[in-house]
Amino acid sequence: MSDEKITRDVAVPLPPDSNGNMRIMRVRGTDTRPVEAQVGVLMPVQDGKPIPPGADYVHLKPNGEHFDVDTIYSSPIKPSGGGWKPLSVSPEKFASNWDRIFGKKPDPSEWN
């Protein structure tokens, strides 16, 4: 027998959720790891919109009562308690840099 890992990744259809979206149970594993199962919802990919954190972009190929799953892209999971937030800058520093970059506001009395 060869040293090659046997990978199995399948999706079993489940009844739709309350919004009518197709639900699946995804089962995957290898000959060296235990099998893992997850329940998820299939949603269409929309051009220009990001894939939610932790979601996978997959291709499903019908195979009898289930689908063979080919993962095209796995979205990384955001760390808990973190994520993007705006920089904290004091209002005085913001105003002084604004003036340095864009110049001071013109005095309306000098317009004529």
C-alpha atoms as a PDB file:
ATOM      1  CA  MET A   1       0.000   0.000   0.000  1.00  0.00           C
ATOM      2  CA  SER A   2       1.274   3.512  -0.820  1.00  0.00           C
ATOM      3  CA  ASP A   3       2.006   6.308   1.676  1.00  0.00           C
ATOM      4  CA  GLU A   4      -0.494   8.606  -0.061  1.00  0.00           C
ATOM      5  CA  LYS A   5      -3.260  10.058   2.139  1.00  0.00           C
ATOM      6  CA  ILE A   6      -6.809   9.227   1.172  1.00  0.00           C
ATOM      7  CA  THR A   7      -8.920  12.382   1.405  1.00  0.00           C
ATOM      8  CA  ARG A   8     -12.682  12.275   1.365  1.00  0.00           C
ATOM      9  CA  ASP A   9     -14.766  15.478   1.242  1.00  0.00           C
ATOM     10  CA  VAL A  10     -18.504  15.106   0.614  1.00  0.00           C
ATOM     11  CA  ALA A  11     -21.664  17.154   1.189  1.00  0.00           C
ATOM     12  CA  VAL A  12     -24.973  15.529   2.084  1.00  0.00           C
ATOM     13  CA  PRO A  13     -28.105  17.632   1.374  1.00  0.00           C
ATOM     14  CA  LEU A  14     -30.379  18.481   4.310  1.00  0.00           C
ATOM     15  CA  PRO A  15     -33.834  20.118   4.405  1.00  0.00           C
ATOM     16  CA  PRO A  16     -33.742  23.879   3.645  1.00  0.00           C
ATOM     17  CA  ASP A  17     -33.508  26.447   6.442  1.00  0.00           C
ATOM     18  CA  SER A  18     -36.326  28.851   7.392  1.00  0.00           C
ATOM     19  CA  ASN A  19     -35.256  31.255   4.597  1.00  0.00           C
ATOM     20  CA  GLY A  20     -35.372  28.523   1.949  1.00  0.00           C
ATOM     21  CA  ASN A  21     -31.563  28.260   1.602  1.00  0.00           C
ATOM     22  CA  MET A  22     -30.164  24.790   0.902  1.00  0.00           C
ATOM     23  CA  ARG A  23     -28.415  23.283   3.925  1.00  0.00           C
ATOM     24  CA  ILE A  24     -25.728  20.611   3.750  1.00  0.00           C
ATOM     25  CA  MET A  25     -23.727  18.450   6.126  1.00  0.00           C
ATOM     26  CA  ARG A  26     -20.114  18.454   4.993  1.00  0.00           C
ATOM     27  CA  VAL A  27     -18.064  15.420   6.007  1.00  0.00           C
ATOM     28  CA  ARG A  28     -14.329  15.271   5.407  1.00  0.00           C
ATOM     29  CA  GLY A  29     -11.330  13.383   6.626  1.00  0.00           C
ATOM     30  CA  THR A  30      -8.145  11.557   5.721  1.00  0.00           C
ATOM     31  CA  ASP A  31      -6.610   8.238   6.597  1.00  0.00           C
ATOM     32  CA  THR A  32      -4.460   9.956   9.275  1.00  0.00           C
ATOM     33  CA  ARG A  33      -7.040  12.296  10.867  1.00  0.00           C
ATOM     34  CA  PRO A  34     -10.467  11.713  12.360  1.00  0.00           C
ATOM     35  CA  VAL A  35     -13.525  12.575  10.297  1.00  0.00           C
ATOM     36  CA  GLU A  36     -14.932  16.061  10.810  1.00  0.00           C
ATOM     37  CA  ALA A  37     -18.540  17.054  10.098  1.00  0.00           C
ATOM     38  CA  GLN A  38     -20.078  20.521   9.772  1.00  0.00           C
ATOM     39  CA  VAL A  39     -23.573  21.743   8.935  1.00  0.00           C
ATOM     40  CA  GLY A  40     -23.696  24.768   6.657  1.00  0.00           C
ATOM     41  CA  VAL A  41     -25.807  26.765   4.238  1.00  0.00           C
ATOM     42  CA  LEU A  42     -25.127  27.083   0.522  1.00  0.00           C
ATOM     43  CA  MET A  43     -25.205  30.666  -0.665  1.00  0.00           C
ATOM     44  CA  PRO A  44     -24.434  32.085  -4.104  1.00  0.00           C
ATOM     45  CA  VAL A  45     -21.230  34.067  -4.519  1.00  0.00           C
ATOM     46  CA  GLN A  46     -21.913  37.674  -5.475  1.00  0.00           C
ATOM     47  CA  ASP A  47     -19.399  39.553  -7.587  1.00  0.00           C
ATOM     48  CA  GLY A  48     -17.622  42.239  -5.588  1.00  0.00           C
ATOM     49  CA  LYS A  49     -18.761  40.978  -2.176  1.00  0.00           C
ATOM     50  CA  PRO A  50     -16.296  39.255   0.170  1.00  0.00           C
ATOM     51  CA  ILE A  51     -16.733  35.698   1.357  1.00  0.00           C
ATOM     52  CA  PRO A  52     -17.689  35.717   5.070  1.00  0.00           C
ATOM     53  CA  PRO A  53     -14.915  34.842   7.559  1.00  0.00           C
ATOM     54  CA  GLY A  54     -14.578  31.096   7.989  1.00  0.00           C
ATOM     55  CA  ALA A  55     -16.605  30.292   4.843  1.00  0.00           C
ATOM     56  CA  ASP A  56     -15.376  28.175   1.939  1.00  0.00           C
ATOM     57  CA  TYR A  57     -15.846  28.747  -1.792  1.00  0.00           C
ATOM     58  CA  VAL A  58     -16.521  25.250  -3.138  1.00  0.00           C
ATOM     59  CA  HIS A  59     -17.472  23.352  -6.277  1.00  0.00           C
ATOM     60  CA  LEU A  60     -20.042  20.603  -5.749  1.00  0.00           C
ATOM     61  CA  LYS A  61     -20.120  17.635  -8.113  1.00  0.00           C
ATOM     62  CA  PRO A  62     -23.196  15.356  -7.874  1.00  0.00           C
ATOM     63  CA  ASN A  63     -22.340  11.772  -6.938  1.00  0.00           C
ATOM     64  CA  GLY A  64     -25.459   9.710  -6.268  1.00  0.00           C
ATOM     65  CA  GLU A  65     -27.198  10.858  -3.077  1.00  0.00           C
ATOM     66  CA  HIS A  66     -24.390  13.260  -2.111  1.00  0.00           C
ATOM     67  CA  PHE A  67     -21.946  15.747  -3.654  1.00  0.00           C
ATOM     68  CA  ASP A  68     -18.173  15.490  -3.935  1.00  0.00           C
ATOM     69  CA  VAL A  69     -16.667  18.744  -2.648  1.00  0.00           C
ATOM     70  CA  ASP A  70     -13.724  20.534  -4.247  1.00  0.00           C
ATOM     71  CA  THR A  71     -12.572  23.507  -2.141  1.00  0.00           C
ATOM     72  CA  ILE A  72     -11.547  26.415  -4.357  1.00  0.00           C
ATOM     73  CA  TYR A  73     -10.859  28.945  -1.574  1.00  0.00           C
ATOM     74  CA  SER A  74     -11.022  28.857   2.235  1.00  0.00           C
ATOM     75  CA  SER A  75     -11.636  32.216   3.896  1.00  0.00           C
ATOM     76  CA  PRO A  76      -9.501  32.691   7.013  1.00  0.00           C
ATOM     77  CA  ILE A  77     -11.287  32.912  10.348  1.00  0.00           C
ATOM     78  CA  LYS A  78     -11.026  36.269  12.134  1.00  0.00           C
ATOM     79  CA  PRO A  79      -9.351  36.093  15.539  1.00  0.00           C
ATOM     80  CA  SER A  80     -11.882  36.558  18.342  1.00  0.00           C
ATOM     81  CA  GLY A  81     -11.951  39.949  19.999  1.00  0.00           C
ATOM     82  CA  GLY A  82      -9.911  41.498  17.221  1.00  0.00           C
ATOM     83  CA  GLY A  83     -10.447  42.670  13.745  1.00  0.00           C
ATOM     84  CA  TRP A  84     -10.133  45.975  11.964  1.00  0.00           C
ATOM     85  CA  LYS A  85     -10.861  49.216  13.731  1.00  0.00           C
ATOM     86  CA  PRO A  86     -10.055  52.816  12.798  1.00  0.00           C
ATOM     87  CA  LEU A  87      -6.889  54.431  14.046  1.00  0.00           C
ATOM     88  CA  SER A  88      -7.173  56.581  17.130  1.00  0.00           C
ATOM     89  CA  VAL A  89      -5.919  60.107  16.403  1.00  0.00           C
ATOM     90  CA  SER A  90      -6.454  63.150  18.594  1.00  0.00           C
ATOM     91  CA  PRO A  91      -8.610  65.913  17.036  1.00  0.00           C
ATOM     92  CA  GLU A  92      -5.794  68.475  17.405  1.00  0.00           C
ATOM     93  CA  LYS A  93      -3.321  66.258  15.563  1.00  0.00           C
ATOM     94  CA  PHE A  94      -5.922  65.514  12.861  1.00  0.00           C
ATOM     95  CA  ALA A  95      -6.645  69.224  12.355  1.00  0.00           C
ATOM     96  CA  SER A  96      -2.968  70.216  12.211  1.00  0.00           C
ATOM     97  CA  ASN A  97      -2.179  67.505   9.691  1.00  0.00           C
ATOM     98  CA  TRP A  98      -5.237  68.473   7.624  1.00  0.00           C
ATOM     99  CA  ASP A  99      -3.944  72.049   7.423  1.00  0.00           C
ATOM    100  CA  ARG A 100      -0.416  70.849   6.585  1.00  0.00           C
ATOM    101  CA  ILE A 101      -1.686  68.623   3.745  1.00  0.00           C
ATOM    102  CA  PHE A 102      -4.576  70.628   2.313  1.00  0.00           C
ATOM    103  CA  GLY A 103      -3.725  74.131   3.540  1.00  0.00           C
ATOM    104  CA  LYS A 104      -5.696  76.343   5.838  1.00  0.00           C
ATOM    105  CA  LYS A 105      -9.246  77.329   4.998  1.00  0.00           C
ATOM    106  CA  PRO A 106      -9.308  80.568   2.989  1.00  0.00           C
ATOM    107  CA  ASP A 107     -10.564  83.662   4.727  1.00  0.00           C
ATOM    108  CA  PRO A 108     -13.900  84.679   3.096  1.00  0.00           C
ATOM    109  CA  SER A 109     -13.009  88.372   3.508  1.00  0.00           C
ATOM    110  CA  GLU A 110     -10.126  87.853   1.029  1.00  0.00           C
ATOM    111  CA  TRP A 111     -12.364  86.469  -1.743  1.00  0.00           C
ATOM    112  CA  ASN A 112     -13.093  89.812  -3.395  1.00  0.00           C
END
